[in-house]
Amino acid sequence: MRLLRGDYDRIEVDAGDPLELVRRAAQSAPPLVHVVALAAARDGGVPLELAAAVVDAAAPVPVQLGGGVRSPSDAEALVRAGVARVVVGTAAFGETPLREFVDALGDRLAVAVDVADGVVRTAGWRASSDLTTEAALERCSEAGVATVVCTAIDRDGTRAGPDLELLQEIRERFDGRALAAGGIRDAADVDAVRRLGLDGVVVGRAWIDGTIEL
């Protein structure tokens, strides 16, 4: 399902069986199939059963999956379940040093930098990390994170276009791989993000609605 701006009470699109969507996406052979376990992101609890099912449905396309990871051992369990890249948000800006996730996963780690009003949100976007975008990216760089996934929360699920100002900041402040999410409508938006020097985009609503092809 697709939420509007991450609001769990506002389901914008219910596209049916998520595993069937994964199979459909994989048929287009994208670099990765990106999946977020929404309930796990909000409440915690590593979604191992879901992860295994998604990996099976997406094969041979690799899976990037987030939601529920609260420790390096959680992340390692997802890798053992077959996830190619584990997205960590809440725990990346919590008490566990981010370097421990980097040491455990290496290039299989992506950190979710989910931004609203200039501040990174966690716990399914319901809580504030009290970190600015700049501070969060600095923490990622210092820990040796290779990949960040930046979501403009106020654009997510809206098809209102990407937040190019935020994405420009991401590119200027982070030297690693940077993926953009939130508001992507069509191929023109993908081109606009590419011109900023980002390395890829995450598309959801636009693909479900048929305004963009993988």
C-alpha atoms as a PDB file:
ATOM      1  CA  MET A   1       0.000   0.000   0.000  1.00  0.00           C
ATOM      2  CA  ARG A   2       1.001   3.613  -0.464  1.00  0.00           C
ATOM      3  CA  LEU A   3       0.666   6.173   2.341  1.00  0.00           C
ATOM      4  CA  LEU A   4       0.338   9.907   1.855  1.00  0.00           C
ATOM      5  CA  ARG A   5       3.341  11.679   3.397  1.00  0.00           C
ATOM      6  CA  GLY A   6       3.908   8.645   5.611  1.00  0.00           C
ATOM      7  CA  ASP A   7       0.606   9.070   7.456  1.00  0.00           C
ATOM      8  CA  TYR A   8      -0.517   5.588   8.526  1.00  0.00           C
ATOM      9  CA  ASP A   9      -4.122   6.828   8.665  1.00  0.00           C
ATOM     10  CA  ARG A  10      -4.052   8.045   5.061  1.00  0.00           C
ATOM     11  CA  ILE A  11      -3.731   5.147   2.636  1.00  0.00           C
ATOM     12  CA  GLU A  12      -3.538   6.844  -0.739  1.00  0.00           C
ATOM     13  CA  VAL A  13      -3.282   3.681  -2.812  1.00  0.00           C
ATOM     14  CA  ASP A  14      -3.956   0.058  -1.891  1.00  0.00           C
ATOM     15  CA  ALA A  15      -2.410  -1.775  -4.812  1.00  0.00           C
ATOM     16  CA  GLY A  16      -3.225  -5.276  -3.626  1.00  0.00           C
ATOM     17  CA  ASP A  17      -0.936  -8.219  -2.948  1.00  0.00           C
ATOM     18  CA  PRO A  18       2.548  -6.814  -2.216  1.00  0.00           C
ATOM     19  CA  LEU A  19       4.309  -9.968  -3.401  1.00  0.00           C
ATOM     20  CA  GLU A  20       2.521  -9.758  -6.734  1.00  0.00           C
ATOM     21  CA  LEU A  21       3.699  -6.143  -7.029  1.00  0.00           C
ATOM     22  CA  VAL A  22       7.238  -7.304  -6.313  1.00  0.00           C
ATOM     23  CA  ARG A  23       6.954  -9.902  -9.085  1.00  0.00           C
ATOM     24  CA  ARG A  24       5.642  -7.280 -11.508  1.00  0.00           C
ATOM     25  CA  ALA A  25       8.450  -4.876 -10.653  1.00  0.00           C
ATOM     26  CA  ALA A  26      11.082  -7.577 -11.040  1.00  0.00           C
ATOM     27  CA  GLN A  27       9.850  -8.405 -14.536  1.00  0.00           C
ATOM     28  CA  SER A  28      11.221  -5.025 -15.668  1.00  0.00           C
ATOM     29  CA  ALA A  29      14.671  -5.957 -14.289  1.00  0.00           C
ATOM     30  CA  PRO A  30      15.377  -2.791 -12.268  1.00  0.00           C
ATOM     31  CA  PRO A  31      18.724  -2.569 -10.431  1.00  0.00           C
ATOM     32  CA  LEU A  32      16.902  -3.288  -7.145  1.00  0.00           C
ATOM     33  CA  VAL A  33      13.385  -3.866  -5.876  1.00  0.00           C
ATOM     34  CA  HIS A  34      12.831  -1.507  -2.924  1.00  0.00           C
ATOM     35  CA  VAL A  35      10.449  -2.601  -0.157  1.00  0.00           C
ATOM     36  CA  VAL A  36       9.574  -1.042   3.191  1.00  0.00           C
ATOM     37  CA  ALA A  37       7.818  -3.069   5.878  1.00  0.00           C
ATOM     38  CA  LEU A  38       5.596  -0.261   7.159  1.00  0.00           C
ATOM     39  CA  ALA A  39       4.388  -1.799  10.420  1.00  0.00           C
ATOM     40  CA  ALA A  40       7.905  -2.910  11.303  1.00  0.00           C
ATOM     41  CA  ALA A  41       9.279   0.567  10.535  1.00  0.00           C
ATOM     42  CA  ARG A  42       6.775   2.063  12.945  1.00  0.00           C
ATOM     43  CA  ASP A  43       6.849  -0.551  15.716  1.00  0.00           C
ATOM     44  CA  GLY A  44      10.151  -2.405  15.337  1.00  0.00           C
ATOM     45  CA  GLY A  45      10.633  -6.131  14.868  1.00  0.00           C
ATOM     46  CA  VAL A  46      12.732  -7.425  12.014  1.00  0.00           C
ATOM     47  CA  PRO A  47      10.423  -8.787   9.248  1.00  0.00           C
ATOM     48  CA  LEU A  48      12.292 -11.985   8.409  1.00  0.00           C
ATOM     49  CA  GLU A  49       9.346 -13.932   6.997  1.00  0.00           C
ATOM     50  CA  LEU A  50       8.367 -11.039   4.747  1.00  0.00           C
ATOM     51  CA  ALA A  51      11.973 -10.545   3.673  1.00  0.00           C
ATOM     52  CA  ALA A  52      12.335 -14.164   2.592  1.00  0.00           C
ATOM     53  CA  ALA A  53       9.063 -14.008   0.641  1.00  0.00           C
ATOM     54  CA  VAL A  54      10.066 -10.758  -1.089  1.00  0.00           C
ATOM     55  CA  VAL A  55      13.487 -12.123  -2.031  1.00  0.00           C
ATOM     56  CA  ASP A  56      11.830 -15.192  -3.537  1.00  0.00           C
ATOM     57  CA  ALA A  57       9.267 -13.097  -5.442  1.00  0.00           C
ATOM     58  CA  ALA A  58      11.890 -10.696  -6.819  1.00  0.00           C
ATOM     59  CA  ALA A  59      14.482 -13.272  -7.875  1.00  0.00           C
ATOM     60  CA  PRO A  60      16.801 -12.858  -9.660  1.00  0.00           C
ATOM     61  CA  VAL A  61      16.529  -9.084  -9.060  1.00  0.00           C
ATOM     62  CA  PRO A  62      18.204  -8.090  -5.770  1.00  0.00           C
ATOM     63  CA  VAL A  63      16.107  -6.611  -2.974  1.00  0.00           C
ATOM     64  CA  GLN A  64      16.653  -3.443  -0.942  1.00  0.00           C
ATOM     65  CA  LEU A  65      14.494  -3.707   2.180  1.00  0.00           C
ATOM     66  CA  GLY A  66      13.938  -1.601   5.264  1.00  0.00           C
ATOM     67  CA  GLY A  67      11.696  -1.502   8.290  1.00  0.00           C
ATOM     68  CA  GLY A  68      12.111  -2.795  11.823  1.00  0.00           C
ATOM     69  CA  VAL A  69      15.893  -2.944  12.008  1.00  0.00           C
ATOM     70  CA  ARG A  70      16.980  -1.873  15.479  1.00  0.00           C
ATOM     71  CA  SER A  71      20.384  -3.538  15.815  1.00  0.00           C
ATOM     72  CA  PRO A  72      23.269  -4.826  13.686  1.00  0.00           C
ATOM     73  CA  SER A  73      22.114  -8.386  14.420  1.00  0.00           C
ATOM     74  CA  ASP A  74      18.685  -7.542  12.973  1.00  0.00           C
ATOM     75  CA  ALA A  75      20.368  -6.280   9.822  1.00  0.00           C
ATOM     76  CA  GLU A  76      22.579  -9.340   9.557  1.00  0.00           C
ATOM     77  CA  ALA A  77      19.502 -11.572   9.870  1.00  0.00           C
ATOM     78  CA  LEU A  78      17.955  -9.837   6.860  1.00  0.00           C
ATOM     79  CA  VAL A  79      21.131 -10.420   4.858  1.00  0.00           C
ATOM     80  CA  ARG A  80      20.987 -14.111   5.764  1.00  0.00           C
ATOM     81  CA  ALA A  81      17.373 -14.075   4.539  1.00  0.00           C
ATOM     82  CA  GLY A  82      18.692 -12.974   1.154  1.00  0.00           C
ATOM     83  CA  VAL A  83      18.268  -9.175   1.251  1.00  0.00           C
ATOM     84  CA  ALA A  84      20.945  -7.534  -0.891  1.00  0.00           C
ATOM     85  CA  ARG A  85      20.877  -4.126   0.801  1.00  0.00           C
ATOM     86  CA  VAL A  86      19.371  -3.358   4.203  1.00  0.00           C
ATOM     87  CA  VAL A  87      17.904   0.098   4.806  1.00  0.00           C
ATOM     88  CA  VAL A  88      18.360   1.338   8.380  1.00  0.00           C
ATOM     89  CA  GLY A  89      16.636   4.496   9.573  1.00  0.00           C
ATOM     90  CA  THR A  90      15.623   4.681  13.227  1.00  0.00           C
ATOM     91  CA  ALA A  91      18.607   2.743  14.568  1.00  0.00           C
ATOM     92  CA  ALA A  92      21.073   4.679  12.419  1.00  0.00           C
ATOM     93  CA  PHE A  93      20.384   7.741  14.529  1.00  0.00           C
ATOM     94  CA  GLY A  94      19.819   6.003  17.863  1.00  0.00           C
ATOM     95  CA  GLU A  95      22.054   4.802  20.685  1.00  0.00           C
ATOM     96  CA  THR A  96      23.941   2.127  18.742  1.00  0.00           C
ATOM     97  CA  PRO A  97      26.989   3.669  17.044  1.00  0.00           C
ATOM     98  CA  LEU A  98      26.365   3.825  13.315  1.00  0.00           C
ATOM     99  CA  ARG A  99      29.844   2.435  12.729  1.00  0.00           C
ATOM    100  CA  GLU A 100      28.633  -0.916  14.121  1.00  0.00           C
ATOM    101  CA  PHE A 101      26.131  -1.195  11.260  1.00  0.00           C
ATOM    102  CA  VAL A 102      28.846  -0.285   8.761  1.00  0.00           C
ATOM    103  CA  ASP A 103      31.200  -2.891  10.217  1.00  0.00           C
ATOM    104  CA  ALA A 104      28.455  -5.534  10.111  1.00  0.00           C
ATOM    105  CA  LEU A 105      27.111  -4.868   6.626  1.00  0.00           C
ATOM    106  CA  GLY A 106      29.623  -2.856   4.633  1.00  0.00           C
ATOM    107  CA  ASP A 107      28.195  -2.005   1.206  1.00  0.00           C
ATOM    108  CA  ARG A 108      25.000  -3.915   2.022  1.00  0.00           C
ATOM    109  CA  LEU A 109      23.946  -1.019   4.286  1.00  0.00           C
ATOM    110  CA  ALA A 110      21.880   1.982   3.237  1.00  0.00           C
ATOM    111  CA  VAL A 111      20.864   4.654   5.717  1.00  0.00           C
ATOM    112  CA  ALA A 112      17.438   6.240   5.392  1.00  0.00           C
ATOM    113  CA  VAL A 113      17.619  10.015   5.691  1.00  0.00           C
ATOM    114  CA  ASP A 114      13.922  10.877   5.864  1.00  0.00           C
ATOM    115  CA  VAL A 115      13.461  14.638   6.096  1.00  0.00           C
ATOM    116  CA  ALA A 116      10.582  16.912   7.082  1.00  0.00           C
ATOM    117  CA  ASP A 117      11.070  20.627   7.761  1.00  0.00           C
ATOM    118  CA  GLY A 118      14.822  20.201   7.710  1.00  0.00           C
ATOM    119  CA  VAL A 119      14.867  17.516  10.429  1.00  0.00           C
ATOM    120  CA  VAL A 120      15.388  13.767  10.055  1.00  0.00           C
ATOM    121  CA  ARG A 121      12.399  11.693  11.199  1.00  0.00           C
ATOM    122  CA  THR A 122      12.486   8.129  12.565  1.00  0.00           C
ATOM    123  CA  ALA A 123      10.165   5.379  13.885  1.00  0.00           C
ATOM    124  CA  GLY A 124       8.062   5.282  10.752  1.00  0.00           C
ATOM    125  CA  TRP A 125       8.427   9.092  10.532  1.00  0.00           C
ATOM    126  CA  ARG A 126       6.465   9.572  13.761  1.00  0.00           C
ATOM    127  CA  ALA A 127       9.464  10.688  15.849  1.00  0.00           C
ATOM    128  CA  SER A 128      12.143  13.324  15.473  1.00  0.00           C
ATOM    129  CA  SER A 129      15.821  12.430  15.592  1.00  0.00           C
ATOM    130  CA  ASP A 130      16.570  16.071  16.497  1.00  0.00           C
ATOM    131  CA  LEU A 131      19.194  15.983  13.754  1.00  0.00           C
ATOM    132  CA  THR A 132      19.266  18.366  10.838  1.00  0.00           C
ATOM    133  CA  THR A 133      19.889  16.966   7.383  1.00  0.00           C
ATOM    134  CA  GLU A 134      23.431  18.304   7.575  1.00  0.00           C
ATOM    135  CA  ALA A 135      24.107  16.663  10.940  1.00  0.00           C
ATOM    136  CA  ALA A 136      22.668  13.326   9.818  1.00  0.00           C
ATOM    137  CA  LEU A 137      24.773  13.278   6.672  1.00  0.00           C
ATOM    138  CA  GLU A 138      27.862  14.209   8.661  1.00  0.00           C
ATOM    139  CA  ARG A 139      27.196  11.253  10.952  1.00  0.00           C
ATOM    140  CA  CYS A 140      26.860   8.966   7.918  1.00  0.00           C
ATOM    141  CA  SER A 141      30.093  10.222   6.376  1.00  0.00           C
ATOM    142  CA  GLU A 142      32.055   9.891   9.604  1.00  0.00           C
ATOM    143  CA  ALA A 143      30.845   6.309  10.043  1.00  0.00           C
ATOM    144  CA  GLY A 144      31.788   5.317   6.507  1.00  0.00           C
ATOM    145  CA  VAL A 145      28.271   4.741   5.178  1.00  0.00           C
ATOM    146  CA  ALA A 146      28.366   3.990   1.449  1.00  0.00           C
ATOM    147  CA  THR A 147      24.696   4.634   0.557  1.00  0.00           C
ATOM    148  CA  VAL A 148      21.919   6.917   1.751  1.00  0.00           C
ATOM    149  CA  VAL A 149      18.280   6.933   0.667  1.00  0.00           C
ATOM    150  CA  CYS A 150      16.826  10.400   1.093  1.00  0.00           C
ATOM    151  CA  THR A 151      13.058  10.822   1.263  1.00  0.00           C
ATOM    152  CA  ALA A 152      11.333  14.202   1.204  1.00  0.00           C
ATOM    153  CA  ILE A 153       8.484  13.261   3.531  1.00  0.00           C
ATOM    154  CA  ASP A 154       6.157  16.072   2.483  1.00  0.00           C
ATOM    155  CA  ARG A 155       6.406  14.855  -1.148  1.00  0.00           C
ATOM    156  CA  ASP A 156       6.039  11.141  -0.444  1.00  0.00           C
ATOM    157  CA  GLY A 157       3.047   9.575  -2.161  1.00  0.00           C
ATOM    158  CA  THR A 158       1.960  12.930  -3.633  1.00  0.00           C
ATOM    159  CA  ARG A 159       3.475  12.842  -7.145  1.00  0.00           C
ATOM    160  CA  ALA A 160       4.189  16.544  -6.601  1.00  0.00           C
ATOM    161  CA  GLY A 161       7.729  16.363  -7.927  1.00  0.00           C
ATOM    162  CA  PRO A 162      10.989  15.767  -6.053  1.00  0.00           C
ATOM    163  CA  ASP A 163      12.370  18.260  -3.534  1.00  0.00           C
ATOM    164  CA  LEU A 164      15.307  19.357  -5.649  1.00  0.00           C
ATOM    165  CA  GLU A 165      16.610  21.777  -3.016  1.00  0.00           C
ATOM    166  CA  LEU A 166      16.859  18.980  -0.459  1.00  0.00           C
ATOM    167  CA  LEU A 167      18.445  16.648  -2.985  1.00  0.00           C
ATOM    168  CA  GLN A 168      20.993  19.287  -3.922  1.00  0.00           C
ATOM    169  CA  GLU A 169      21.952  19.510  -0.252  1.00  0.00           C
ATOM    170  CA  ILE A 170      22.297  15.745  -0.081  1.00  0.00           C
ATOM    171  CA  ARG A 171      24.624  15.731  -3.083  1.00  0.00           C
ATOM    172  CA  GLU A 172      26.727  18.586  -1.751  1.00  0.00           C
ATOM    173  CA  ARG A 173      27.128  17.120   1.727  1.00  0.00           C
ATOM    174  CA  PHE A 174      27.477  13.390   1.053  1.00  0.00           C
ATOM    175  CA  ASP A 175      30.111  11.895  -1.242  1.00  0.00           C
ATOM    176  CA  GLY A 176      28.780   8.345  -1.345  1.00  0.00           C
ATOM    177  CA  ARG A 177      25.907   6.783  -3.256  1.00  0.00           C
ATOM    178  CA  ALA A 178      22.708   8.837  -2.863  1.00  0.00           C
ATOM    179  CA  LEU A 179      19.227   7.721  -3.872  1.00  0.00           C
ATOM    180  CA  ALA A 180      16.211  10.029  -3.991  1.00  0.00           C
ATOM    181  CA  ALA A 181      12.633   9.263  -2.965  1.00  0.00           C
ATOM    182  CA  GLY A 182       9.431  11.227  -2.583  1.00  0.00           C
ATOM    183  CA  GLY A 183       7.304  12.936  -5.225  1.00  0.00           C
ATOM    184  CA  ILE A 184       8.765  11.329  -8.356  1.00  0.00           C
ATOM    185  CA  ARG A 185       6.146  11.632 -11.119  1.00  0.00           C
ATOM    186  CA  ASP A 186       7.708  10.772 -14.442  1.00  0.00           C
ATOM    187  CA  ALA A 187      10.850  10.455 -16.529  1.00  0.00           C
ATOM    188  CA  ALA A 188      11.389  14.224 -16.461  1.00  0.00           C
ATOM    189  CA  ASP A 189      11.667  14.101 -12.660  1.00  0.00           C
ATOM    190  CA  VAL A 190      14.155  11.245 -12.922  1.00  0.00           C
ATOM    191  CA  ASP A 191      16.228  13.328 -15.342  1.00  0.00           C
ATOM    192  CA  ALA A 192      16.095  16.329 -12.976  1.00  0.00           C
ATOM    193  CA  VAL A 193      17.408  14.192 -10.130  1.00  0.00           C
ATOM    194  CA  ARG A 194      20.113  12.734 -12.358  1.00  0.00           C
ATOM    195  CA  ARG A 195      21.281  16.227 -13.330  1.00  0.00           C
ATOM    196  CA  LEU A 196      21.897  16.966  -9.651  1.00  0.00           C
ATOM    197  CA  GLY A 197      24.344  14.079  -9.623  1.00  0.00           C
ATOM    198  CA  LEU A 198      22.350  11.605  -7.554  1.00  0.00           C
ATOM    199  CA  ASP A 199      22.778   7.925  -8.261  1.00  0.00           C
ATOM    200  CA  GLY A 200      19.187   6.732  -8.534  1.00  0.00           C
ATOM    201  CA  VAL A 201      15.565   7.171  -7.542  1.00  0.00           C
ATOM    202  CA  VAL A 202      12.973   5.151  -5.676  1.00  0.00           C
ATOM    203  CA  VAL A 203       9.602   5.155  -7.427  1.00  0.00           C
ATOM    204  CA  GLY A 204       6.339   3.852  -6.030  1.00  0.00           C
ATOM    205  CA  ARG A 205       3.121   5.762  -6.580  1.00  0.00           C
ATOM    206  CA  ALA A 206       4.060   6.863 -10.106  1.00  0.00           C
ATOM    207  CA  TRP A 207       4.847   3.285 -11.130  1.00  0.00           C
ATOM    208  CA  ILE A 208       1.601   1.991  -9.628  1.00  0.00           C
ATOM    209  CA  ASP A 209      -0.329   4.741 -11.421  1.00  0.00           C
ATOM    210  CA  GLY A 210       1.449   4.022 -14.709  1.00  0.00           C
ATOM    211  CA  THR A 211       3.083   7.434 -15.246  1.00  0.00           C
ATOM    212  CA  ILE A 212       6.596   5.992 -15.165  1.00  0.00           C
ATOM    213  CA  GLU A 213       8.133   2.767 -16.409  1.00  0.00           C
ATOM    214  CA  LEU A 214      10.916   0.919 -14.674  1.00  0.00           C
END
